[in-house]
C-alpha atoms as a PDB file:
ATOM      1  CA  UNK A   1      15.757 -13.086  13.333  1.00  0.00           C
ATOM      2  CA  UNK A   2      18.551 -12.960  10.608  1.00  0.00           C
ATOM      3  CA  UNK A   3      15.978 -13.866   7.622  1.00  0.00           C
ATOM      4  CA  UNK A   4      13.302 -11.935   8.972  1.00  0.00           C
ATOM      5  CA  UNK A   5      16.075  -9.200   8.936  1.00  0.00           C
ATOM      6  CA  UNK A   6      17.121  -9.703   5.735  1.00  0.00           C
ATOM      7  CA  UNK A   7      13.475  -9.808   4.228  1.00  0.00           C
ATOM      8  CA  UNK A   8      12.828  -6.583   6.168  1.00  0.00           C
ATOM      9  CA  UNK A   9      15.469  -4.761   4.418  1.00  0.00           C
ATOM     10  CA  UNK A  10      14.773  -5.922   0.769  1.00  0.00           C
ATOM     11  CA  UNK A  11      11.258  -5.117   1.251  1.00  0.00           C
ATOM     12  CA  UNK A  12      12.238  -1.586   2.382  1.00  0.00           C
ATOM     13  CA  UNK A  13      14.736  -0.899  -0.805  1.00  0.00           C
ATOM     14  CA  UNK A  14      11.765  -2.116  -3.175  1.00  0.00           C
ATOM     15  CA  UNK A  15       9.114   0.286  -1.332  1.00  0.00           C
ATOM     16  CA  UNK A  16      11.616   2.825  -1.487  1.00  0.00           C
ATOM     17  CA  UNK A  17      12.824   2.357  -5.297  1.00  0.00           C
ATOM     18  CA  UNK A  18       8.602   2.176  -6.030  1.00  0.00           C
ATOM     19  CA  UNK A  19       8.253   5.588  -4.257  1.00  0.00           C
ATOM     20  CA  UNK A  20      10.739   7.529  -5.867  1.00  0.00           C
ATOM     21  CA  UNK A  21       9.379   5.934  -9.455  1.00  0.00           C
ATOM     22  CA  UNK A  22       6.009   6.714  -8.588  1.00  0.00           C
ATOM     23  CA  UNK A  23       7.150  10.571  -7.471  1.00  0.00           C
ATOM     24  CA  UNK A  24       9.051  11.153 -10.331  1.00  0.00           C
ATOM     25  CA  UNK A  25       6.437   9.679 -12.576  1.00  0.00           C
ATOM     26  CA  UNK A  26       3.762  11.841 -11.004  1.00  0.00           C
ATOM     27  CA  UNK A  27       6.248  15.056 -11.310  1.00  0.00           C
ATOM     28  CA  UNK A  28       6.743  14.282 -15.274  1.00  0.00           C
ATOM     29  CA  UNK A  29       2.888  13.901 -15.583  1.00  0.00           C
ATOM     30  CA  UNK A  30       2.626  17.430 -13.878  1.00  0.00           C
ATOM     31  CA  UNK A  31       4.789  18.792 -16.154  1.00  0.00           C
ATOM     32  CA  UNK A  32       3.415  17.416 -19.013  1.00  0.00           C
ATOM     33  CA  UNK A  33      -0.193  18.031 -17.669  1.00  0.00           C
ATOM     34  CA  UNK A  34      -1.057  14.618 -18.087  1.00  0.00           C
ATOM     35  CA  UNK A  35      -3.106  12.184 -15.773  1.00  0.00           C
ATOM     36  CA  UNK A  36      -1.378  12.498 -11.926  1.00  0.00           C
ATOM     37  CA  UNK A  37      -1.297   9.591  -9.073  1.00  0.00           C
ATOM     38  CA  UNK A  38      -3.474  10.312  -6.858  1.00  0.00           C
ATOM     39  CA  UNK A  39      -2.318  12.110  -3.275  1.00  0.00           C
ATOM     40  CA  UNK A  40      -3.802   8.905  -1.329  1.00  0.00           C
ATOM     41  CA  UNK A  41      -1.669   6.676  -3.605  1.00  0.00           C
ATOM     42  CA  UNK A  42       1.644   8.367  -2.509  1.00  0.00           C
ATOM     43  CA  UNK A  43       0.899   8.768   0.903  1.00  0.00           C
ATOM     44  CA  UNK A  44      -0.032   4.894   0.897  1.00  0.00           C
ATOM     45  CA  UNK A  45       3.392   4.051  -0.556  1.00  0.00           C
ATOM     46  CA  UNK A  46       4.563   6.475   2.064  1.00  0.00           C
ATOM     47  CA  UNK A  47       3.199   4.495   5.128  1.00  0.00           C
ATOM     48  CA  UNK A  48       4.104   1.129   4.156  1.00  0.00           C
ATOM     49  CA  UNK A  49       7.559   1.985   3.906  1.00  0.00           C
ATOM     50  CA  UNK A  50       8.312   4.270   1.079  1.00  0.00           C
ATOM     51  CA  UNK A  51       8.839   7.222   2.986  1.00  0.00           C
ATOM     52  CA  UNK A  52      12.433   7.765   3.039  1.00  0.00           C
ATOM     53  CA  UNK A  53      12.795   7.309  -0.794  1.00  0.00           C
ATOM     54  CA  UNK A  54       9.381   9.663  -1.414  1.00  0.00           C
ATOM     55  CA  UNK A  55      10.515  11.956   0.903  1.00  0.00           C
ATOM     56  CA  UNK A  56      14.254  12.596  -0.905  1.00  0.00           C
ATOM     57  CA  UNK A  57      12.672  12.100  -4.316  1.00  0.00           C
ATOM     58  CA  UNK A  58      10.187  15.261  -3.161  1.00  0.00           C
ATOM     59  CA  UNK A  59      12.916  17.441  -1.880  1.00  0.00           C
ATOM     60  CA  UNK A  60      15.807  16.250  -4.860  1.00  0.00           C
ATOM     61  CA  UNK A  61      13.157  17.049  -7.973  1.00  0.00           C
ATOM     62  CA  UNK A  62      11.184  19.922  -5.821  1.00  0.00           C
ATOM     63  CA  UNK A  63       7.668  17.999  -6.165  1.00  0.00           C
ATOM     64  CA  UNK A  64       5.056  18.737  -3.640  1.00  0.00           C
ATOM     65  CA  UNK A  65       7.424  20.663  -1.708  1.00  0.00           C
ATOM     66  CA  UNK A  66       4.571  23.542  -1.205  1.00  0.00           C
ATOM     67  CA  UNK A  67       2.028  20.922   0.245  1.00  0.00           C
ATOM     68  CA  UNK A  68       1.680  20.701   3.599  1.00  0.00           C
ATOM     69  CA  UNK A  69       0.391  16.923   3.660  1.00  0.00           C
ATOM     70  CA  UNK A  70       3.575  16.100   1.990  1.00  0.00           C
ATOM     71  CA  UNK A  71       6.396  18.280   3.560  1.00  0.00           C
ATOM     72  CA  UNK A  72       5.154  17.292   7.595  1.00  0.00           C
ATOM     73  CA  UNK A  73       3.019  14.693   6.630  1.00  0.00           C
ATOM     74  CA  UNK A  74       5.632  12.275   5.257  1.00  0.00           C
ATOM     75  CA  UNK A  75       8.247  12.981   7.562  1.00  0.00           C
ATOM     76  CA  UNK A  76       5.767  12.249  10.747  1.00  0.00           C
ATOM     77  CA  UNK A  77       5.032   8.979   8.864  1.00  0.00           C
ATOM     78  CA  UNK A  78       8.584   8.433   9.128  1.00  0.00           C
ATOM     79  CA  UNK A  79       8.705   9.375  12.903  1.00  0.00           C
ATOM     80  CA  UNK A  80       5.806   6.725  13.588  1.00  0.00           C
ATOM     81  CA  UNK A  81       7.481   3.959  11.648  1.00  0.00           C
ATOM     82  CA  UNK A  82      11.162   4.578  13.320  1.00  0.00           C
ATOM     83  CA  UNK A  83       8.689   4.390  16.823  1.00  0.00           C
ATOM     84  CA  UNK A  84       7.005   1.176  15.574  1.00  0.00           C
ATOM     85  CA  UNK A  85      10.163  -0.615  14.557  1.00  0.00           C
ATOM     86  CA  UNK A  86      11.814   0.337  17.742  1.00  0.00           C
ATOM     87  CA  UNK A  87       9.211  -1.078  19.809  1.00  0.00           C
ATOM     88  CA  UNK A  88       8.825  -4.464  17.343  1.00  0.00           C
ATOM     89  CA  UNK A  89      12.705  -4.962  18.082  1.00  0.00           C
ATOM     90  CA  UNK A  90      12.763  -4.096  21.755  1.00  0.00           C
ATOM     91  CA  UNK A  91       9.098  -5.996  22.995  1.00  0.00           C
ATOM     92  CA  UNK A  92       8.879  -8.682  20.264  1.00  0.00           C
ATOM     93  CA  UNK A  93      12.091  -9.572  19.218  1.00  0.00           C
ATOM     94  CA  UNK A  94      14.025  -8.730  22.349  1.00  0.00           C
ATOM     95  CA  UNK A  95      17.000  -7.312  21.102  1.00  0.00           C
ATOM     96  CA  UNK A  96      17.621  -4.386  23.238  1.00  0.00           C
END
């Protein structure tokens, strides 16, 4: 379990860093009227574990804050991820 937990933490850190980078890159592209990152890519990165980093970056740099798809969708994705992790820890790894 220890190794799995360490790998999982490293994965979450990496995917959240990617989420932050993609969000900032999309914001810069938006300002410069350049090619943008598709919304489905942003949501996918959020869904695979980058929801915290993406939401934080969005709030800090004020990007996509007027889009309900992101301002409601990403916290909902995070909530679902929390429930899934809890269920995995409780029923698969029997930690609770």
